[in-house]
N, C-alpha and C. Protein backbone atom coordinates (compact mmCIF):
# COMPACT_ATOMS: atom_id res chain seq x y z
N UNK A 1 -1.78 0.30 -21.76
CA UNK A 1 -1.96 0.54 -20.32
C UNK A 1 -3.21 -0.20 -19.85
N UNK A 2 -3.11 -0.88 -18.71
CA UNK A 2 -4.25 -1.62 -18.21
C UNK A 2 -5.27 -0.67 -17.63
N UNK A 3 -6.54 -1.05 -17.71
CA UNK A 3 -7.62 -0.25 -17.15
C UNK A 3 -8.44 -1.10 -16.22
N UNK A 4 -9.19 -0.46 -15.35
CA UNK A 4 -9.98 -1.17 -14.37
C UNK A 4 -11.29 -1.63 -14.99
N UNK A 5 -11.76 -2.81 -14.55
CA UNK A 5 -13.05 -3.28 -15.02
C UNK A 5 -14.16 -2.44 -14.42
N UNK A 6 -15.34 -2.58 -14.96
CA UNK A 6 -16.49 -1.86 -14.42
C UNK A 6 -16.69 -2.20 -12.96
N UNK A 7 -17.08 -1.21 -12.17
CA UNK A 7 -17.33 -1.46 -10.74
C UNK A 7 -18.75 -1.95 -10.50
N UNK A 8 -19.47 -2.25 -11.54
CA UNK A 8 -20.85 -2.68 -11.36
C UNK A 8 -20.95 -3.97 -10.58
N UNK A 9 -19.88 -4.79 -10.63
CA UNK A 9 -19.91 -6.07 -9.93
C UNK A 9 -19.66 -5.90 -8.44
N UNK A 10 -19.21 -4.73 -8.02
CA UNK A 10 -18.92 -4.51 -6.61
C UNK A 10 -20.15 -4.00 -5.88
N UNK A 11 -20.29 -4.31 -4.59
CA UNK A 11 -21.44 -3.82 -3.82
C UNK A 11 -21.46 -2.31 -3.79
N UNK A 12 -22.64 -1.74 -3.55
CA UNK A 12 -22.77 -0.30 -3.40
C UNK A 12 -21.97 0.13 -2.18
N UNK A 13 -21.13 1.14 -2.34
CA UNK A 13 -20.23 1.59 -1.29
C UNK A 13 -20.82 2.82 -0.61
N UNK A 14 -21.15 2.72 0.70
CA UNK A 14 -21.73 3.86 1.39
C UNK A 14 -20.71 4.92 1.79
N UNK A 15 -19.41 4.64 1.60
CA UNK A 15 -18.38 5.58 2.00
C UNK A 15 -18.46 6.85 1.15
N UNK A 16 -18.23 8.03 1.73
CA UNK A 16 -18.24 9.26 0.94
C UNK A 16 -17.25 9.20 -0.20
N UNK A 17 -17.52 9.91 -1.30
CA UNK A 17 -16.60 9.89 -2.43
C UNK A 17 -15.26 10.49 -2.06
N UNK A 18 -14.19 10.15 -2.82
CA UNK A 18 -12.87 10.69 -2.50
C UNK A 18 -12.86 12.22 -2.50
N UNK A 19 -11.91 12.78 -1.74
CA UNK A 19 -11.74 14.23 -1.71
C UNK A 19 -11.32 14.71 -3.09
N UNK A 20 -11.66 15.96 -3.45
CA UNK A 20 -11.38 16.44 -4.79
C UNK A 20 -9.90 16.55 -5.12
N UNK A 21 -8.99 16.57 -4.11
CA UNK A 21 -7.57 16.70 -4.40
C UNK A 21 -6.88 15.35 -4.56
N UNK A 22 -7.64 14.27 -4.60
CA UNK A 22 -7.06 12.95 -4.78
C UNK A 22 -6.76 12.72 -6.26
N UNK A 23 -5.93 11.72 -6.53
CA UNK A 23 -5.49 11.52 -7.90
C UNK A 23 -5.11 10.06 -8.13
N UNK A 24 -5.08 9.67 -9.40
CA UNK A 24 -4.68 8.33 -9.78
C UNK A 24 -3.16 8.19 -9.78
N UNK A 25 -2.70 6.98 -9.49
CA UNK A 25 -1.28 6.63 -9.63
C UNK A 25 -1.12 5.97 -10.99
N UNK A 26 -0.29 6.55 -11.84
CA UNK A 26 -0.13 6.08 -13.21
C UNK A 26 1.33 5.71 -13.46
N UNK A 27 1.55 4.50 -13.96
CA UNK A 27 2.88 3.98 -14.25
C UNK A 27 2.97 3.72 -15.75
N UNK A 28 4.02 4.22 -16.38
CA UNK A 28 4.16 4.09 -17.83
C UNK A 28 5.53 3.54 -18.19
N UNK A 29 5.54 2.34 -18.77
CA UNK A 29 6.75 1.73 -19.35
C UNK A 29 7.90 1.69 -18.34
N UNK A 30 7.60 1.25 -17.14
CA UNK A 30 8.61 1.19 -16.08
C UNK A 30 9.44 -0.09 -16.23
N UNK A 31 10.72 0.02 -15.94
CA UNK A 31 11.62 -1.13 -15.95
C UNK A 31 12.46 -1.10 -14.69
N UNK A 32 12.49 -2.21 -13.96
CA UNK A 32 13.30 -2.34 -12.76
C UNK A 32 13.61 -3.82 -12.56
N UNK A 33 14.86 -4.14 -12.28
CA UNK A 33 15.23 -5.53 -12.09
C UNK A 33 14.82 -6.38 -13.28
N UNK A 34 14.13 -7.51 -13.04
CA UNK A 34 13.73 -8.38 -14.14
C UNK A 34 12.51 -7.89 -14.91
N UNK A 35 11.88 -6.84 -14.44
CA UNK A 35 10.63 -6.38 -15.04
C UNK A 35 10.88 -5.27 -16.05
N UNK A 36 10.07 -5.26 -17.10
CA UNK A 36 10.16 -4.19 -18.08
C UNK A 36 8.79 -3.95 -18.70
N UNK A 37 8.61 -2.76 -19.25
CA UNK A 37 7.34 -2.44 -19.89
C UNK A 37 6.15 -2.44 -18.97
N UNK A 38 6.36 -2.13 -17.68
CA UNK A 38 5.28 -2.15 -16.70
C UNK A 38 4.46 -0.86 -16.81
N UNK A 39 3.18 -0.99 -17.14
CA UNK A 39 2.26 0.15 -17.19
C UNK A 39 0.99 -0.21 -16.46
N UNK A 40 0.50 0.68 -15.62
CA UNK A 40 -0.75 0.44 -14.90
C UNK A 40 -1.34 1.76 -14.46
N UNK A 41 -2.63 1.70 -14.14
CA UNK A 41 -3.39 2.89 -13.75
C UNK A 41 -4.24 2.51 -12.55
N UNK A 42 -3.95 3.13 -11.41
CA UNK A 42 -4.69 2.84 -10.18
C UNK A 42 -5.48 4.09 -9.81
N UNK A 43 -6.81 4.09 -10.01
CA UNK A 43 -7.60 5.28 -9.70
C UNK A 43 -7.62 5.60 -8.21
N UNK A 44 -7.94 6.82 -7.89
CA UNK A 44 -8.09 7.24 -6.50
C UNK A 44 -9.14 6.38 -5.80
N UNK A 45 -8.81 5.92 -4.60
CA UNK A 45 -9.75 5.14 -3.82
C UNK A 45 -9.87 3.69 -4.21
N UNK A 46 -9.00 3.20 -5.09
CA UNK A 46 -9.07 1.82 -5.56
C UNK A 46 -7.82 1.04 -5.14
N UNK A 47 -7.96 -0.27 -5.04
CA UNK A 47 -6.87 -1.15 -4.63
C UNK A 47 -6.51 -2.08 -5.78
N UNK A 48 -5.24 -2.05 -6.16
CA UNK A 48 -4.71 -2.98 -7.15
C UNK A 48 -3.89 -4.03 -6.42
N UNK A 49 -4.26 -5.29 -6.54
CA UNK A 49 -3.50 -6.38 -5.94
C UNK A 49 -2.43 -6.84 -6.91
N UNK A 50 -1.24 -7.07 -6.39
CA UNK A 50 -0.11 -7.52 -7.19
C UNK A 50 0.39 -8.85 -6.63
N UNK A 51 0.44 -9.86 -7.49
CA UNK A 51 0.91 -11.17 -7.04
C UNK A 51 1.95 -11.70 -8.02
N UNK A 52 2.56 -12.81 -7.66
CA UNK A 52 3.57 -13.42 -8.50
C UNK A 52 4.46 -14.33 -7.67
N UNK A 53 5.24 -15.19 -8.31
CA UNK A 53 6.11 -16.11 -7.57
C UNK A 53 7.14 -15.37 -6.73
N UNK A 54 7.65 -16.03 -5.71
CA UNK A 54 8.72 -15.46 -4.90
C UNK A 54 9.91 -15.14 -5.79
N UNK A 55 10.49 -13.98 -5.60
CA UNK A 55 11.63 -13.58 -6.39
C UNK A 55 11.30 -13.00 -7.75
N UNK A 56 10.02 -12.80 -8.03
CA UNK A 56 9.63 -12.31 -9.35
C UNK A 56 9.76 -10.80 -9.49
N UNK A 57 9.97 -10.09 -8.39
CA UNK A 57 10.19 -8.65 -8.46
C UNK A 57 9.09 -7.79 -7.88
N UNK A 58 8.19 -8.36 -7.08
CA UNK A 58 7.07 -7.59 -6.54
C UNK A 58 7.56 -6.47 -5.62
N UNK A 59 8.41 -6.82 -4.65
CA UNK A 59 8.89 -5.81 -3.71
C UNK A 59 9.74 -4.77 -4.42
N UNK A 60 10.53 -5.20 -5.37
CA UNK A 60 11.38 -4.26 -6.09
C UNK A 60 10.54 -3.29 -6.91
N UNK A 61 9.43 -3.77 -7.46
CA UNK A 61 8.52 -2.89 -8.18
C UNK A 61 7.95 -1.83 -7.24
N UNK A 62 7.53 -2.24 -6.04
CA UNK A 62 7.02 -1.27 -5.08
C UNK A 62 8.10 -0.24 -4.74
N UNK A 63 9.33 -0.70 -4.56
CA UNK A 63 10.41 0.21 -4.23
C UNK A 63 10.67 1.21 -5.36
N UNK A 64 10.49 0.77 -6.59
CA UNK A 64 10.64 1.70 -7.72
C UNK A 64 9.51 2.72 -7.71
N UNK A 65 8.29 2.27 -7.42
CA UNK A 65 7.16 3.20 -7.37
C UNK A 65 7.36 4.23 -6.26
N UNK A 66 8.04 3.83 -5.19
CA UNK A 66 8.32 4.75 -4.09
C UNK A 66 9.60 5.54 -4.32
N UNK A 67 10.25 5.34 -5.46
CA UNK A 67 11.52 6.01 -5.79
C UNK A 67 12.62 5.65 -4.80
N UNK A 68 12.64 4.38 -4.41
CA UNK A 68 13.68 3.89 -3.51
C UNK A 68 14.74 3.09 -4.25
N UNK A 69 14.43 2.57 -5.45
CA UNK A 69 15.38 1.83 -6.27
C UNK A 69 15.49 2.48 -7.65
N UNK A 70 16.68 2.46 -8.26
CA UNK A 70 16.83 3.01 -9.61
C UNK A 70 15.92 2.27 -10.60
N UNK A 71 15.36 3.00 -11.55
CA UNK A 71 14.46 2.41 -12.52
C UNK A 71 14.31 3.34 -13.71
N UNK A 72 13.73 2.82 -14.77
CA UNK A 72 13.40 3.63 -15.94
C UNK A 72 11.88 3.71 -16.06
N UNK A 73 11.41 4.69 -16.81
CA UNK A 73 9.98 4.86 -17.01
C UNK A 73 9.43 6.01 -16.19
N UNK A 74 8.14 6.23 -16.32
CA UNK A 74 7.48 7.38 -15.67
C UNK A 74 6.45 6.91 -14.65
N UNK A 75 6.42 7.61 -13.52
CA UNK A 75 5.41 7.37 -12.49
C UNK A 75 4.83 8.74 -12.10
N UNK A 76 3.51 8.86 -12.11
CA UNK A 76 2.88 10.11 -11.75
C UNK A 76 1.75 9.87 -10.76
N UNK A 77 1.48 10.87 -9.95
CA UNK A 77 0.34 10.88 -9.05
C UNK A 77 -0.42 12.16 -9.35
N UNK A 78 -1.45 12.05 -10.17
CA UNK A 78 -2.13 13.23 -10.66
C UNK A 78 -1.16 14.06 -11.49
N UNK A 79 -0.98 15.33 -11.11
CA UNK A 79 -0.05 16.20 -11.83
C UNK A 79 1.36 16.12 -11.27
N UNK A 80 1.57 15.36 -10.22
CA UNK A 80 2.88 15.24 -9.58
C UNK A 80 3.70 14.17 -10.31
N UNK A 81 4.84 14.55 -10.84
CA UNK A 81 5.70 13.63 -11.55
C UNK A 81 6.86 13.20 -10.67
N UNK A 82 7.06 11.89 -10.55
CA UNK A 82 8.11 11.38 -9.68
C UNK A 82 9.47 11.99 -10.03
N UNK A 83 9.80 12.07 -11.30
CA UNK A 83 11.12 12.54 -11.72
C UNK A 83 11.31 14.04 -11.53
N UNK A 84 10.22 14.77 -11.26
CA UNK A 84 10.30 16.23 -11.20
C UNK A 84 10.31 16.77 -9.78
N UNK A 85 10.20 15.90 -8.77
CA UNK A 85 10.16 16.37 -7.38
C UNK A 85 11.27 15.68 -6.58
N UNK A 86 11.72 16.30 -5.49
CA UNK A 86 12.72 15.65 -4.64
C UNK A 86 12.21 14.30 -4.14
N UNK A 87 13.12 13.34 -3.98
CA UNK A 87 12.74 11.99 -3.58
C UNK A 87 11.95 11.98 -2.27
N UNK A 88 12.37 12.81 -1.30
CA UNK A 88 11.68 12.79 -0.01
C UNK A 88 10.25 13.29 -0.14
N UNK A 89 10.02 14.25 -1.05
CA UNK A 89 8.66 14.75 -1.25
C UNK A 89 7.78 13.70 -1.90
N UNK A 90 8.35 12.95 -2.84
CA UNK A 90 7.59 11.87 -3.49
C UNK A 90 7.23 10.79 -2.47
N UNK A 91 8.18 10.41 -1.64
CA UNK A 91 7.94 9.32 -0.68
C UNK A 91 6.97 9.72 0.41
N UNK A 92 6.86 11.01 0.68
CA UNK A 92 5.85 11.49 1.61
C UNK A 92 4.46 11.32 1.02
N UNK A 93 4.35 11.51 -0.29
CA UNK A 93 3.06 11.38 -0.96
C UNK A 93 2.73 9.94 -1.29
N UNK A 94 3.72 9.21 -1.78
CA UNK A 94 3.53 7.80 -2.18
C UNK A 94 4.27 6.96 -1.14
N UNK A 95 3.54 6.57 -0.11
CA UNK A 95 4.14 5.97 1.08
C UNK A 95 4.18 4.45 0.97
N UNK A 96 5.37 3.87 1.17
CA UNK A 96 5.52 2.42 1.12
C UNK A 96 5.58 1.84 2.52
N UNK A 97 4.86 0.73 2.74
CA UNK A 97 4.95 -0.05 3.97
C UNK A 97 5.62 -1.37 3.61
N UNK A 98 6.92 -1.53 3.92
CA UNK A 98 7.64 -2.75 3.53
C UNK A 98 7.22 -3.95 4.37
N UNK A 99 7.59 -5.13 3.90
CA UNK A 99 7.27 -6.35 4.64
C UNK A 99 8.00 -6.37 5.98
N UNK A 100 9.22 -5.87 6.02
CA UNK A 100 10.01 -5.79 7.25
C UNK A 100 10.19 -4.32 7.60
N UNK A 101 9.40 -3.85 8.56
CA UNK A 101 9.43 -2.43 8.91
C UNK A 101 10.66 -2.10 9.75
N UNK A 102 11.10 -0.85 9.66
CA UNK A 102 12.25 -0.37 10.42
C UNK A 102 11.78 0.48 11.59
N UNK A 103 12.48 0.33 12.73
CA UNK A 103 12.11 1.06 13.95
C UNK A 103 13.37 1.65 14.56
N UNK A 104 13.43 2.97 14.64
CA UNK A 104 14.65 3.65 15.06
C UNK A 104 14.59 4.14 16.50
N UNK A 105 13.41 4.33 17.06
CA UNK A 105 13.28 4.77 18.44
C UNK A 105 13.11 3.58 19.38
N UNK A 106 13.33 3.81 20.67
CA UNK A 106 13.21 2.72 21.64
C UNK A 106 11.76 2.35 21.92
N UNK A 107 10.87 3.35 21.90
CA UNK A 107 9.47 3.09 22.21
C UNK A 107 8.60 3.27 20.97
N UNK A 108 7.43 2.67 21.00
CA UNK A 108 6.48 2.83 19.90
C UNK A 108 6.09 4.29 19.73
N UNK A 109 5.80 4.97 20.85
CA UNK A 109 5.35 6.34 20.79
C UNK A 109 6.34 7.29 20.13
N UNK A 110 7.63 6.94 20.18
CA UNK A 110 8.65 7.79 19.56
C UNK A 110 8.47 7.89 18.05
N UNK A 111 7.74 6.95 17.47
CA UNK A 111 7.51 6.93 16.02
C UNK A 111 6.21 7.63 15.64
N UNK A 112 5.51 8.16 16.63
CA UNK A 112 4.25 8.86 16.40
C UNK A 112 4.29 10.21 17.11
N UNK A 113 5.09 11.16 16.59
CA UNK A 113 5.26 12.44 17.29
C UNK A 113 3.98 13.24 17.43
N UNK A 114 2.98 12.96 16.59
CA UNK A 114 1.71 13.70 16.69
C UNK A 114 0.79 13.12 17.74
N UNK A 115 1.21 12.05 18.40
CA UNK A 115 0.38 11.43 19.44
C UNK A 115 -0.26 10.15 18.97
N UNK A 116 -1.14 9.61 19.80
CA UNK A 116 -1.78 8.33 19.52
C UNK A 116 -2.55 8.39 18.19
N UNK A 117 -2.26 7.48 17.25
CA UNK A 117 -2.91 7.54 15.94
C UNK A 117 -4.32 6.97 15.98
N UNK A 118 -5.14 7.39 15.05
CA UNK A 118 -6.45 6.78 14.87
C UNK A 118 -6.26 5.39 14.27
N UNK A 119 -7.16 4.48 14.63
CA UNK A 119 -7.13 3.15 14.03
C UNK A 119 -6.59 2.06 14.92
N UNK A 120 -6.06 2.42 16.10
CA UNK A 120 -5.51 1.39 16.99
C UNK A 120 -6.55 0.32 17.32
N UNK A 121 -7.71 0.75 17.78
CA UNK A 121 -8.75 -0.20 18.19
C UNK A 121 -9.22 -1.02 17.01
N UNK A 122 -9.40 -0.36 15.87
CA UNK A 122 -9.87 -1.07 14.67
C UNK A 122 -8.90 -2.16 14.24
N UNK A 123 -7.61 -1.99 14.53
CA UNK A 123 -6.61 -2.99 14.16
C UNK A 123 -6.29 -3.95 15.31
N UNK A 124 -7.10 -3.90 16.36
CA UNK A 124 -6.93 -4.85 17.45
C UNK A 124 -5.82 -4.51 18.42
N UNK A 125 -5.48 -3.22 18.52
CA UNK A 125 -4.42 -2.78 19.42
C UNK A 125 -5.00 -1.85 20.49
N UNK A 126 -4.27 -1.71 21.60
CA UNK A 126 -4.69 -0.86 22.70
C UNK A 126 -3.80 0.37 22.77
N UNK A 127 -4.32 1.48 23.27
CA UNK A 127 -3.54 2.71 23.36
C UNK A 127 -2.28 2.53 24.21
N UNK A 128 -2.29 1.55 25.11
CA UNK A 128 -1.12 1.32 25.96
C UNK A 128 0.11 0.93 25.16
N UNK A 129 -0.10 0.44 23.94
CA UNK A 129 1.02 0.01 23.11
C UNK A 129 1.96 1.17 22.80
N UNK A 130 1.47 2.41 22.89
CA UNK A 130 2.30 3.57 22.58
C UNK A 130 3.46 3.71 23.57
N UNK A 131 3.31 3.17 24.75
CA UNK A 131 4.38 3.25 25.74
C UNK A 131 5.30 2.04 25.76
N UNK A 132 5.05 1.06 24.92
CA UNK A 132 5.85 -0.16 24.91
C UNK A 132 7.21 0.07 24.28
N UNK A 133 8.18 -0.75 24.69
CA UNK A 133 9.45 -0.84 23.99
C UNK A 133 9.23 -1.56 22.66
N UNK A 134 9.90 -1.08 21.64
CA UNK A 134 9.77 -1.73 20.33
C UNK A 134 10.21 -3.19 20.40
N UNK A 135 11.20 -3.48 21.23
CA UNK A 135 11.71 -4.85 21.35
C UNK A 135 10.66 -5.81 21.87
N UNK A 136 9.60 -5.29 22.48
CA UNK A 136 8.53 -6.13 23.03
C UNK A 136 7.53 -6.57 21.96
N UNK A 137 7.50 -5.87 20.83
CA UNK A 137 6.47 -6.10 19.82
C UNK A 137 6.66 -7.43 19.11
N UNK A 138 5.54 -8.09 18.83
CA UNK A 138 5.57 -9.26 17.96
C UNK A 138 5.66 -8.80 16.51
N UNK A 139 5.92 -9.73 15.60
CA UNK A 139 5.99 -9.37 14.18
C UNK A 139 4.65 -8.86 13.68
N UNK A 140 3.56 -9.43 14.17
CA UNK A 140 2.24 -8.98 13.76
C UNK A 140 1.91 -7.59 14.28
N UNK A 141 2.33 -7.29 15.52
CA UNK A 141 2.11 -5.95 16.06
C UNK A 141 2.93 -4.92 15.29
N UNK A 142 4.15 -5.28 14.93
CA UNK A 142 4.97 -4.37 14.13
C UNK A 142 4.32 -4.09 12.78
N UNK A 143 3.74 -5.12 12.17
CA UNK A 143 3.10 -4.92 10.87
C UNK A 143 1.96 -3.91 10.97
N UNK A 144 1.10 -4.11 11.98
CA UNK A 144 -0.06 -3.21 12.12
C UNK A 144 0.38 -1.79 12.46
N UNK A 145 1.37 -1.67 13.32
CA UNK A 145 1.83 -0.34 13.69
C UNK A 145 2.56 0.34 12.53
N UNK A 146 3.23 -0.42 11.69
CA UNK A 146 3.88 0.17 10.52
C UNK A 146 2.84 0.74 9.56
N UNK A 147 1.71 0.05 9.42
CA UNK A 147 0.61 0.57 8.60
C UNK A 147 0.08 1.86 9.20
N UNK A 148 -0.16 1.87 10.51
CA UNK A 148 -0.66 3.07 11.17
C UNK A 148 0.33 4.23 11.07
N UNK A 149 1.61 3.91 11.17
CA UNK A 149 2.64 4.95 11.06
C UNK A 149 2.61 5.60 9.67
N UNK A 150 2.46 4.77 8.63
CA UNK A 150 2.38 5.31 7.28
C UNK A 150 1.15 6.20 7.11
N UNK A 151 0.02 5.73 7.60
CA UNK A 151 -1.23 6.49 7.47
C UNK A 151 -1.14 7.80 8.25
N UNK A 152 -0.45 7.78 9.39
CA UNK A 152 -0.32 8.99 10.21
C UNK A 152 0.45 10.10 9.50
N UNK A 153 1.20 9.74 8.47
CA UNK A 153 1.96 10.73 7.71
C UNK A 153 1.12 11.34 6.58
N UNK A 154 -0.16 11.04 6.56
CA UNK A 154 -1.11 11.58 5.57
C UNK A 154 -0.61 11.48 4.14
N UNK A 155 -0.41 10.25 3.65
CA UNK A 155 0.03 10.08 2.27
C UNK A 155 -1.10 10.36 1.29
N UNK A 156 -0.77 10.33 0.00
CA UNK A 156 -1.77 10.45 -1.05
C UNK A 156 -1.91 9.14 -1.82
N UNK A 157 -1.02 8.19 -1.56
CA UNK A 157 -1.08 6.85 -2.17
C UNK A 157 -0.34 5.90 -1.23
N UNK A 158 -0.71 4.61 -1.26
CA UNK A 158 -0.08 3.63 -0.39
C UNK A 158 0.45 2.45 -1.22
N UNK A 159 1.63 1.98 -0.84
CA UNK A 159 2.24 0.78 -1.42
C UNK A 159 2.43 -0.21 -0.28
N UNK A 160 1.74 -1.33 -0.31
CA UNK A 160 1.72 -2.27 0.81
C UNK A 160 2.33 -3.60 0.40
N UNK A 161 3.40 -3.99 1.08
CA UNK A 161 4.09 -5.25 0.77
C UNK A 161 3.68 -6.32 1.78
N UNK A 162 2.66 -7.09 1.42
CA UNK A 162 2.12 -8.16 2.27
C UNK A 162 1.86 -7.68 3.70
N UNK A 163 0.98 -6.72 3.88
CA UNK A 163 0.77 -6.12 5.20
C UNK A 163 0.12 -7.03 6.23
N UNK A 164 -0.38 -8.20 5.82
CA UNK A 164 -1.02 -9.11 6.78
C UNK A 164 -0.32 -10.46 6.86
N UNK A 165 0.93 -10.54 6.39
CA UNK A 165 1.61 -11.83 6.27
C UNK A 165 1.77 -12.55 7.61
N UNK A 166 1.90 -11.81 8.72
CA UNK A 166 2.16 -12.43 10.02
C UNK A 166 0.95 -12.41 10.95
N UNK A 167 -0.23 -12.25 10.38
CA UNK A 167 -1.43 -12.08 11.20
C UNK A 167 -2.34 -13.30 11.13
N UNK A 168 -3.10 -13.52 12.22
CA UNK A 168 -4.09 -14.58 12.21
C UNK A 168 -5.30 -14.16 11.37
N UNK A 169 -6.22 -15.08 11.18
CA UNK A 169 -7.33 -14.85 10.26
C UNK A 169 -8.18 -13.65 10.70
N UNK A 170 -8.55 -13.60 11.97
CA UNK A 170 -9.42 -12.53 12.44
C UNK A 170 -8.74 -11.16 12.33
N UNK A 171 -7.48 -11.09 12.70
CA UNK A 171 -6.77 -9.82 12.63
C UNK A 171 -6.54 -9.42 11.17
N UNK A 172 -6.29 -10.40 10.32
CA UNK A 172 -6.15 -10.11 8.89
C UNK A 172 -7.41 -9.43 8.36
N UNK A 173 -8.58 -9.96 8.73
CA UNK A 173 -9.84 -9.36 8.28
C UNK A 173 -10.00 -7.93 8.81
N UNK A 174 -9.55 -7.70 10.05
CA UNK A 174 -9.62 -6.35 10.62
C UNK A 174 -8.79 -5.37 9.77
N UNK A 175 -7.56 -5.78 9.47
CA UNK A 175 -6.67 -4.92 8.70
C UNK A 175 -7.21 -4.69 7.30
N UNK A 176 -7.71 -5.73 6.67
CA UNK A 176 -8.29 -5.59 5.33
C UNK A 176 -9.43 -4.58 5.33
N UNK A 177 -10.34 -4.74 6.29
CA UNK A 177 -11.51 -3.86 6.34
C UNK A 177 -11.10 -2.42 6.59
N UNK A 178 -10.18 -2.21 7.52
CA UNK A 178 -9.77 -0.85 7.85
C UNK A 178 -9.04 -0.19 6.71
N UNK A 179 -8.09 -0.90 6.09
CA UNK A 179 -7.35 -0.32 4.98
C UNK A 179 -8.25 -0.04 3.78
N UNK A 180 -9.16 -0.95 3.49
CA UNK A 180 -10.08 -0.73 2.36
C UNK A 180 -10.93 0.51 2.60
N UNK A 181 -11.43 0.67 3.83
CA UNK A 181 -12.24 1.84 4.15
C UNK A 181 -11.43 3.13 4.08
N UNK A 182 -10.18 3.09 4.56
CA UNK A 182 -9.33 4.27 4.52
C UNK A 182 -9.03 4.67 3.08
N UNK A 183 -8.75 3.69 2.23
CA UNK A 183 -8.46 3.99 0.83
C UNK A 183 -9.64 4.68 0.16
N UNK A 184 -10.85 4.18 0.42
CA UNK A 184 -12.03 4.79 -0.20
C UNK A 184 -12.30 6.19 0.38
N UNK A 185 -12.19 6.30 1.70
CA UNK A 185 -12.50 7.57 2.35
C UNK A 185 -11.55 8.68 1.92
N UNK A 186 -10.25 8.37 1.85
CA UNK A 186 -9.25 9.39 1.56
C UNK A 186 -8.91 9.47 0.08
N UNK A 187 -9.40 8.53 -0.71
CA UNK A 187 -9.12 8.56 -2.13
C UNK A 187 -7.70 8.16 -2.48
N UNK A 188 -7.12 7.22 -1.70
CA UNK A 188 -5.77 6.77 -1.99
C UNK A 188 -5.78 5.69 -3.07
N UNK A 189 -4.98 5.81 -4.11
CA UNK A 189 -4.69 4.64 -4.92
C UNK A 189 -3.74 3.73 -4.14
N UNK A 190 -4.02 2.43 -4.12
CA UNK A 190 -3.25 1.49 -3.31
C UNK A 190 -2.75 0.35 -4.18
N UNK A 191 -1.47 0.02 -4.06
CA UNK A 191 -0.92 -1.20 -4.66
C UNK A 191 -0.58 -2.13 -3.50
N UNK A 192 -1.20 -3.31 -3.51
CA UNK A 192 -1.15 -4.23 -2.36
C UNK A 192 -0.58 -5.57 -2.84
N UNK A 193 0.64 -5.89 -2.43
CA UNK A 193 1.24 -7.19 -2.75
C UNK A 193 0.60 -8.25 -1.87
N UNK A 194 0.09 -9.31 -2.50
CA UNK A 194 -0.60 -10.37 -1.76
C UNK A 194 -0.42 -11.70 -2.49
N UNK A 195 -0.52 -12.78 -1.73
CA UNK A 195 -0.42 -14.12 -2.30
C UNK A 195 -1.74 -14.89 -2.19
N UNK A 196 -2.51 -14.59 -1.17
CA UNK A 196 -3.72 -15.36 -0.88
C UNK A 196 -4.85 -14.98 -1.86
N UNK A 197 -5.30 -15.91 -2.70
CA UNK A 197 -6.38 -15.59 -3.65
C UNK A 197 -7.65 -15.10 -2.96
N UNK A 198 -7.95 -15.65 -1.78
CA UNK A 198 -9.16 -15.22 -1.07
C UNK A 198 -9.03 -13.76 -0.62
N UNK A 199 -7.85 -13.39 -0.14
CA UNK A 199 -7.65 -12.00 0.26
C UNK A 199 -7.75 -11.07 -0.94
N UNK A 200 -7.15 -11.46 -2.03
CA UNK A 200 -7.22 -10.64 -3.25
C UNK A 200 -8.66 -10.45 -3.67
N UNK A 201 -9.45 -11.48 -3.59
CA UNK A 201 -10.87 -11.38 -3.95
C UNK A 201 -11.59 -10.41 -3.03
N UNK A 202 -11.21 -10.39 -1.75
CA UNK A 202 -11.90 -9.52 -0.79
C UNK A 202 -11.54 -8.05 -0.97
N UNK A 203 -10.26 -7.75 -1.23
CA UNK A 203 -9.83 -6.36 -1.15
C UNK A 203 -9.63 -5.66 -2.50
N UNK A 204 -9.39 -6.42 -3.56
CA UNK A 204 -8.89 -5.79 -4.78
C UNK A 204 -9.99 -5.40 -5.76
N UNK A 205 -9.79 -4.25 -6.40
CA UNK A 205 -10.61 -3.85 -7.53
C UNK A 205 -10.02 -4.36 -8.83
N UNK A 206 -8.72 -4.61 -8.81
CA UNK A 206 -8.05 -5.21 -9.95
C UNK A 206 -6.89 -6.05 -9.44
N UNK A 207 -6.55 -7.11 -10.20
CA UNK A 207 -5.47 -8.01 -9.81
C UNK A 207 -4.55 -8.21 -11.01
N UNK A 208 -3.29 -7.81 -10.82
CA UNK A 208 -2.26 -8.04 -11.83
C UNK A 208 -1.24 -9.03 -11.28
N UNK A 209 -0.74 -9.87 -12.16
CA UNK A 209 0.21 -10.90 -11.76
C UNK A 209 1.49 -10.77 -12.58
N UNK A 210 2.63 -10.94 -11.91
CA UNK A 210 3.90 -10.93 -12.61
C UNK A 210 4.09 -12.29 -13.27
N UNK A 211 4.33 -12.26 -14.56
CA UNK A 211 4.61 -13.49 -15.33
C UNK A 211 5.85 -13.22 -16.15
N UNK A 212 6.96 -13.82 -15.76
CA UNK A 212 8.22 -13.57 -16.44
C UNK A 212 8.70 -12.16 -16.15
N UNK A 213 8.84 -11.36 -17.21
CA UNK A 213 9.35 -10.00 -17.05
C UNK A 213 8.26 -8.95 -17.16
N UNK A 214 7.00 -9.39 -17.16
CA UNK A 214 5.90 -8.45 -17.41
C UNK A 214 4.76 -8.66 -16.44
N UNK A 215 3.84 -7.68 -16.41
CA UNK A 215 2.60 -7.80 -15.66
C UNK A 215 1.47 -8.13 -16.60
N UNK A 216 0.54 -8.94 -16.12
CA UNK A 216 -0.63 -9.25 -16.92
C UNK A 216 -1.83 -9.40 -16.01
N UNK A 217 -3.05 -9.14 -16.52
CA UNK A 217 -4.25 -9.36 -15.69
C UNK A 217 -4.34 -10.81 -15.26
N UNK A 218 -4.64 -11.03 -13.97
CA UNK A 218 -4.77 -12.40 -13.46
C UNK A 218 -6.03 -13.03 -14.05
N UNK A 219 -5.95 -14.32 -14.27
CA UNK A 219 -7.10 -15.06 -14.82
C UNK A 219 -8.20 -15.12 -13.78
């Protein structure tokens, strides 16, 4: 099982420590699609970046972690075992934000029944967006709102499939900073699929790369 390197190389983090009910996401000998023998440990409040060639199985791995695709192996979040709880309960705790988000209501606000979410301004959005028709949204606006929608459901872990793929440089930095701060503050273990080496350097505490049918630490 892979372990995280010492955090001594990272700057001192002024964010409060994770809440005591947070937990690590642990994957043991998982197999899905072309991948097999996948084991990893993502501590609470840490971000694991996942990269690899197109078609190598990154999104499918995230879907297995979210219990959306059939797979073998064990996935746990603290004492919560994926195989021992109903799928909907697991997905509420281990929330996936796919590359192509789904929108079932006509307006943005219909997807936020608790009201305007925190983080709109930090992600470069205005409160007025809650009244917009979903059909009006750009791909980048949908990406940011899909992240906010996931966070509004108060998950215990996040799975992010290229959450900044359609964003410009400045907005990408906004999303990176906000998500990194949220992960530390709430103690979420995060698996973040990314391709950009510079982004991985900015956000990740560990970087694993898919090579063939397995994961390995990136060079």
